[in-house]
């Protein structure tokens, strides 16, 4: 089981990967949403927000009003960010759950 610090590091790496890809930044420009990530096996959450085409302000703790919520185990989060777990396969097998409206899901489709 990954630790909370490893999960925070993975989320920060995910944010850095998004920011380093100009195509992704362009796609997410104007997409202003709060994101919450619930780590099921650690019973903890992190949150941040999409702003200016980037994922910023990643902090430990829940954001009850988040428009996008990801539910994942600590190990699966670390594997996703490291590229060791395919997001689409993990989503289809319910290893990763995303709770968001359909328009937001479509916007995120090419990013995750």
N, C-alpha and C. Protein backbone atom coordinates (compact mmCIF):
# COMPACT_ATOMS: atom_id res chain seq x y z
N UNK A 1 0.85 -1.18 0.00
CA UNK A 1 0.00 0.00 0.00
C UNK A 1 0.90 1.24 0.00
N UNK A 2 0.60 2.15 -0.92
CA UNK A 2 1.35 3.40 -0.99
C UNK A 2 0.94 4.30 0.18
N UNK A 3 1.82 5.19 0.56
CA UNK A 3 1.55 6.11 1.66
C UNK A 3 0.83 7.36 1.14
N UNK A 4 0.33 8.16 2.07
CA UNK A 4 -0.30 9.43 1.71
C UNK A 4 0.71 10.34 1.01
N UNK A 5 1.95 10.34 1.47
CA UNK A 5 2.98 11.16 0.83
C UNK A 5 3.24 10.71 -0.61
N UNK A 6 3.26 9.40 -0.83
CA UNK A 6 3.45 8.88 -2.20
C UNK A 6 2.27 9.27 -3.09
N UNK A 7 1.07 9.28 -2.53
CA UNK A 7 -0.12 9.69 -3.29
C UNK A 7 -0.05 11.17 -3.62
N UNK A 8 0.36 11.99 -2.67
CA UNK A 8 0.51 13.43 -2.92
C UNK A 8 1.55 13.65 -4.03
N UNK A 9 2.66 12.93 -3.93
CA UNK A 9 3.71 13.04 -4.94
C UNK A 9 3.19 12.62 -6.31
N UNK A 10 2.39 11.55 -6.36
CA UNK A 10 1.82 11.09 -7.63
C UNK A 10 0.89 12.15 -8.21
N UNK A 11 0.06 12.75 -7.39
CA UNK A 11 -0.84 13.80 -7.88
C UNK A 11 -0.07 15.03 -8.36
N UNK A 12 0.99 15.37 -7.65
CA UNK A 12 1.83 16.50 -8.08
C UNK A 12 2.53 16.18 -9.40
N UNK A 13 2.94 14.92 -9.57
CA UNK A 13 3.55 14.50 -10.83
C UNK A 13 2.53 14.55 -11.97
N UNK A 14 1.31 14.12 -11.68
CA UNK A 14 0.23 14.19 -12.67
C UNK A 14 0.02 15.65 -13.10
N UNK A 15 -0.02 16.55 -12.13
CA UNK A 15 -0.19 17.97 -12.44
C UNK A 15 0.98 18.48 -13.28
N UNK A 16 2.19 18.07 -12.93
CA UNK A 16 3.38 18.50 -13.69
C UNK A 16 3.34 17.95 -15.12
N UNK A 17 2.90 16.70 -15.27
CA UNK A 17 2.80 16.10 -16.61
C UNK A 17 1.78 16.85 -17.45
N UNK A 18 0.65 17.21 -16.86
CA UNK A 18 -0.36 17.99 -17.59
C UNK A 18 0.21 19.33 -18.02
N UNK A 19 0.87 20.01 -17.10
CA UNK A 19 1.41 21.35 -17.37
C UNK A 19 2.51 21.32 -18.43
N UNK A 20 3.21 20.21 -18.54
CA UNK A 20 4.31 20.10 -19.49
C UNK A 20 3.85 19.80 -20.91
N UNK A 21 2.58 19.50 -21.06
CA UNK A 21 2.04 19.15 -22.38
C UNK A 21 1.21 20.32 -22.91
N UNK A 22 1.75 21.12 -23.84
CA UNK A 22 1.04 22.30 -24.35
C UNK A 22 -0.33 21.98 -24.94
N UNK A 23 -0.45 20.81 -25.57
CA UNK A 23 -1.74 20.41 -26.15
C UNK A 23 -2.79 20.22 -25.05
N UNK A 24 -2.40 19.61 -23.95
CA UNK A 24 -3.31 19.41 -22.83
C UNK A 24 -3.67 20.74 -22.20
N UNK A 25 -2.70 21.61 -22.02
CA UNK A 25 -2.96 22.93 -21.43
C UNK A 25 -3.97 23.68 -22.28
N UNK A 26 -3.79 23.65 -23.60
CA UNK A 26 -4.76 24.32 -24.49
C UNK A 26 -6.15 23.72 -24.35
N UNK A 27 -6.21 22.39 -24.29
CA UNK A 27 -7.51 21.71 -24.18
C UNK A 27 -8.21 22.07 -22.88
N UNK A 28 -7.45 22.27 -21.81
CA UNK A 28 -8.05 22.55 -20.51
C UNK A 28 -8.19 24.04 -20.20
N UNK A 29 -7.71 24.90 -21.08
CA UNK A 29 -7.85 26.34 -20.85
C UNK A 29 -9.34 26.68 -20.82
N UNK A 30 -9.75 27.39 -19.79
CA UNK A 30 -11.16 27.74 -19.60
C UNK A 30 -11.94 26.68 -18.84
N UNK A 31 -11.30 25.56 -18.54
CA UNK A 31 -11.93 24.48 -17.78
C UNK A 31 -11.61 24.72 -16.30
N UNK A 32 -12.51 25.35 -15.61
CA UNK A 32 -12.31 25.73 -14.22
C UNK A 32 -13.17 24.81 -13.34
N UNK A 33 -12.55 23.82 -12.74
CA UNK A 33 -13.28 22.85 -11.94
C UNK A 33 -12.46 22.46 -10.72
N UNK A 34 -13.18 22.13 -9.63
CA UNK A 34 -12.53 21.58 -8.45
C UNK A 34 -12.46 20.06 -8.61
N UNK A 35 -11.34 19.49 -8.20
CA UNK A 35 -11.11 18.05 -8.27
C UNK A 35 -10.86 17.52 -6.87
N UNK A 36 -11.51 16.42 -6.53
CA UNK A 36 -11.23 15.71 -5.29
C UNK A 36 -10.78 14.30 -5.66
N UNK A 37 -9.84 13.79 -4.92
CA UNK A 37 -9.33 12.43 -5.14
C UNK A 37 -9.41 11.68 -3.81
N UNK A 38 -10.31 10.71 -3.75
CA UNK A 38 -10.49 9.90 -2.54
C UNK A 38 -9.62 8.66 -2.65
N UNK A 39 -8.72 8.48 -1.69
CA UNK A 39 -7.83 7.32 -1.66
C UNK A 39 -8.48 6.30 -0.72
N UNK A 40 -9.07 5.26 -1.31
CA UNK A 40 -9.94 4.37 -0.56
C UNK A 40 -9.24 3.61 0.56
N UNK A 41 -8.06 3.06 0.30
CA UNK A 41 -7.41 2.23 1.31
C UNK A 41 -6.75 3.05 2.42
N UNK A 42 -6.52 4.32 2.18
CA UNK A 42 -5.93 5.19 3.21
C UNK A 42 -6.99 6.00 3.94
N UNK A 43 -8.22 5.95 3.41
CA UNK A 43 -9.32 6.73 3.98
C UNK A 43 -8.93 8.20 4.10
N UNK A 44 -8.33 8.71 3.05
CA UNK A 44 -7.94 10.12 3.00
C UNK A 44 -8.29 10.67 1.63
N UNK A 45 -8.24 11.97 1.52
CA UNK A 45 -8.56 12.63 0.25
C UNK A 45 -7.56 13.74 -0.01
N UNK A 46 -7.47 14.10 -1.27
CA UNK A 46 -6.71 15.27 -1.71
C UNK A 46 -7.63 16.07 -2.60
N UNK A 47 -7.33 17.34 -2.73
CA UNK A 47 -8.11 18.14 -3.67
C UNK A 47 -7.22 19.20 -4.31
N UNK A 48 -7.69 19.67 -5.44
CA UNK A 48 -7.01 20.72 -6.18
C UNK A 48 -8.03 21.30 -7.14
N UNK A 49 -7.55 22.07 -8.10
CA UNK A 49 -8.49 22.62 -9.07
C UNK A 49 -7.81 22.79 -10.43
N UNK A 50 -8.61 22.62 -11.45
CA UNK A 50 -8.17 22.91 -12.80
C UNK A 50 -8.38 24.41 -13.01
N UNK A 51 -7.31 25.08 -13.39
CA UNK A 51 -7.36 26.53 -13.59
C UNK A 51 -6.30 26.91 -14.61
N UNK A 52 -6.66 27.70 -15.58
CA UNK A 52 -5.69 28.15 -16.58
C UNK A 52 -5.04 27.03 -17.35
N UNK A 53 -5.78 25.92 -17.52
CA UNK A 53 -5.24 24.79 -18.27
C UNK A 53 -4.36 23.87 -17.46
N UNK A 54 -4.27 24.11 -16.16
CA UNK A 54 -3.39 23.32 -15.30
C UNK A 54 -4.13 22.84 -14.06
N UNK A 55 -3.60 21.80 -13.42
CA UNK A 55 -4.10 21.34 -12.13
C UNK A 55 -3.22 21.97 -11.06
N UNK A 56 -3.83 22.76 -10.19
CA UNK A 56 -3.07 23.55 -9.20
C UNK A 56 -3.61 23.34 -7.79
N UNK A 57 -2.82 23.79 -6.83
CA UNK A 57 -3.21 23.83 -5.42
C UNK A 57 -3.63 22.47 -4.86
N UNK A 58 -2.82 21.46 -5.10
CA UNK A 58 -3.12 20.12 -4.57
C UNK A 58 -2.83 20.12 -3.08
N UNK A 59 -3.85 19.77 -2.32
CA UNK A 59 -3.79 19.83 -0.86
C UNK A 59 -4.47 18.60 -0.28
N UNK A 60 -3.99 18.16 0.86
CA UNK A 60 -4.66 17.04 1.53
C UNK A 60 -5.96 17.53 2.13
N UNK A 61 -6.96 16.67 2.08
CA UNK A 61 -8.28 16.99 2.62
C UNK A 61 -9.33 16.91 1.54
N UNK A 62 -10.56 16.78 1.95
CA UNK A 62 -11.67 16.64 1.02
C UNK A 62 -12.16 18.00 0.53
N UNK A 63 -12.79 17.99 -0.62
CA UNK A 63 -13.49 19.16 -1.16
C UNK A 63 -14.90 18.67 -1.49
N UNK A 64 -15.82 18.82 -0.53
CA UNK A 64 -17.17 18.27 -0.72
C UNK A 64 -17.90 18.80 -1.95
N UNK A 65 -17.55 20.01 -2.39
CA UNK A 65 -18.24 20.62 -3.53
C UNK A 65 -17.51 20.41 -4.86
N UNK A 66 -16.55 19.50 -4.89
CA UNK A 66 -15.78 19.26 -6.12
C UNK A 66 -16.70 18.79 -7.24
N UNK A 67 -16.52 19.37 -8.42
CA UNK A 67 -17.31 18.95 -9.58
C UNK A 67 -16.82 17.64 -10.16
N UNK A 68 -15.56 17.30 -9.88
CA UNK A 68 -14.97 16.06 -10.36
C UNK A 68 -14.39 15.32 -9.16
N UNK A 69 -14.76 14.05 -9.04
CA UNK A 69 -14.26 13.24 -7.93
C UNK A 69 -13.70 11.94 -8.49
N UNK A 70 -12.46 11.66 -8.14
CA UNK A 70 -11.83 10.40 -8.51
C UNK A 70 -11.72 9.54 -7.26
N UNK A 71 -12.08 8.27 -7.38
CA UNK A 71 -12.01 7.32 -6.27
C UNK A 71 -11.09 6.19 -6.71
N UNK A 72 -10.00 5.99 -5.94
CA UNK A 72 -8.97 5.05 -6.37
C UNK A 72 -8.18 4.58 -5.14
N UNK A 73 -7.56 3.40 -5.25
CA UNK A 73 -6.68 2.94 -4.17
C UNK A 73 -5.33 3.64 -4.31
N UNK A 74 -4.57 3.64 -3.26
CA UNK A 74 -3.27 4.32 -3.27
C UNK A 74 -2.33 3.69 -4.30
N UNK A 75 -2.25 2.38 -4.33
CA UNK A 75 -1.36 1.71 -5.28
C UNK A 75 -1.76 1.98 -6.73
N UNK A 76 -3.07 1.96 -6.99
CA UNK A 76 -3.53 2.20 -8.36
C UNK A 76 -3.27 3.63 -8.79
N UNK A 77 -3.38 4.59 -7.88
CA UNK A 77 -3.07 5.98 -8.22
C UNK A 77 -1.61 6.11 -8.62
N UNK A 78 -0.73 5.53 -7.84
CA UNK A 78 0.71 5.60 -8.13
C UNK A 78 1.01 4.91 -9.47
N UNK A 79 0.39 3.77 -9.72
CA UNK A 79 0.61 3.05 -10.98
C UNK A 79 0.06 3.83 -12.18
N UNK A 80 -1.09 4.47 -12.02
CA UNK A 80 -1.66 5.27 -13.10
C UNK A 80 -0.70 6.37 -13.52
N UNK A 81 -0.21 7.10 -12.55
CA UNK A 81 0.66 8.24 -12.85
C UNK A 81 1.99 7.77 -13.43
N UNK A 82 2.48 6.62 -12.97
CA UNK A 82 3.75 6.08 -13.47
C UNK A 82 3.60 5.44 -14.85
N UNK A 83 2.37 5.33 -15.34
CA UNK A 83 2.14 4.71 -16.64
C UNK A 83 2.13 3.19 -16.59
N UNK A 84 2.05 2.63 -15.40
CA UNK A 84 2.05 1.18 -15.23
C UNK A 84 0.64 0.59 -15.27
N UNK A 85 -0.37 1.44 -15.25
CA UNK A 85 -1.77 1.02 -15.28
C UNK A 85 -2.48 1.91 -16.29
N UNK A 86 -3.13 1.29 -17.25
CA UNK A 86 -3.86 2.02 -18.27
C UNK A 86 -5.15 2.58 -17.69
N UNK A 87 -5.35 3.89 -17.86
CA UNK A 87 -6.52 4.53 -17.27
C UNK A 87 -7.82 3.94 -17.79
N UNK A 88 -7.93 3.77 -19.08
CA UNK A 88 -9.20 3.28 -19.65
C UNK A 88 -9.53 1.88 -19.14
N UNK A 89 -8.53 1.02 -19.05
CA UNK A 89 -8.77 -0.33 -18.53
C UNK A 89 -9.16 -0.28 -17.06
N UNK A 90 -8.46 0.55 -16.30
CA UNK A 90 -8.76 0.69 -14.87
C UNK A 90 -10.16 1.27 -14.65
N UNK A 91 -10.55 2.21 -15.50
CA UNK A 91 -11.88 2.81 -15.41
C UNK A 91 -12.95 1.77 -15.75
N UNK A 92 -12.74 1.03 -16.82
CA UNK A 92 -13.73 0.03 -17.25
C UNK A 92 -13.86 -1.10 -16.23
N UNK A 93 -12.78 -1.43 -15.54
CA UNK A 93 -12.84 -2.50 -14.53
C UNK A 93 -13.20 -1.97 -13.14
N UNK A 94 -13.46 -0.67 -13.05
CA UNK A 94 -13.87 0.02 -11.82
C UNK A 94 -12.79 0.06 -10.76
N UNK A 95 -11.52 -0.09 -11.19
CA UNK A 95 -10.41 0.15 -10.26
C UNK A 95 -10.32 1.64 -9.97
N UNK A 96 -10.72 2.43 -10.94
CA UNK A 96 -10.76 3.88 -10.80
C UNK A 96 -12.17 4.32 -11.13
N UNK A 97 -12.74 5.13 -10.26
CA UNK A 97 -14.07 5.67 -10.51
C UNK A 97 -13.96 7.18 -10.64
N UNK A 98 -14.65 7.72 -11.62
CA UNK A 98 -14.70 9.16 -11.81
C UNK A 98 -16.16 9.57 -11.72
N UNK A 99 -16.43 10.52 -10.84
CA UNK A 99 -17.78 11.06 -10.69
C UNK A 99 -17.74 12.50 -11.18
N UNK A 100 -18.43 12.72 -12.31
CA UNK A 100 -18.46 14.05 -12.91
C UNK A 100 -19.63 14.08 -13.90
N UNK A 101 -20.04 15.27 -14.30
CA UNK A 101 -21.11 15.32 -15.30
C UNK A 101 -20.54 14.91 -16.66
N UNK A 102 -21.44 14.60 -17.56
CA UNK A 102 -21.03 14.06 -18.86
C UNK A 102 -20.12 15.02 -19.64
N UNK A 103 -20.42 16.31 -19.61
CA UNK A 103 -19.59 17.28 -20.34
C UNK A 103 -18.17 17.31 -19.79
N UNK A 104 -18.03 17.27 -18.47
CA UNK A 104 -16.70 17.26 -17.86
C UNK A 104 -15.97 15.96 -18.19
N UNK A 105 -16.69 14.85 -18.21
CA UNK A 105 -16.06 13.57 -18.56
C UNK A 105 -15.52 13.62 -19.99
N UNK A 106 -16.28 14.23 -20.88
CA UNK A 106 -15.84 14.31 -22.28
C UNK A 106 -14.60 15.20 -22.38
N UNK A 107 -14.56 16.28 -21.62
CA UNK A 107 -13.41 17.18 -21.63
C UNK A 107 -12.16 16.48 -21.09
N UNK A 108 -12.34 15.66 -20.07
CA UNK A 108 -11.21 14.97 -19.44
C UNK A 108 -10.76 13.74 -20.22
N UNK A 109 -11.60 13.26 -21.11
CA UNK A 109 -11.31 12.01 -21.80
C UNK A 109 -9.93 11.98 -22.44
N UNK A 110 -9.55 13.02 -23.10
CA UNK A 110 -8.24 13.01 -23.76
C UNK A 110 -7.09 13.35 -22.84
N UNK A 111 -7.39 13.71 -21.60
CA UNK A 111 -6.36 14.14 -20.66
C UNK A 111 -5.92 12.98 -19.77
N UNK A 112 -6.86 12.15 -19.39
CA UNK A 112 -6.54 11.07 -18.43
C UNK A 112 -6.00 9.84 -19.14
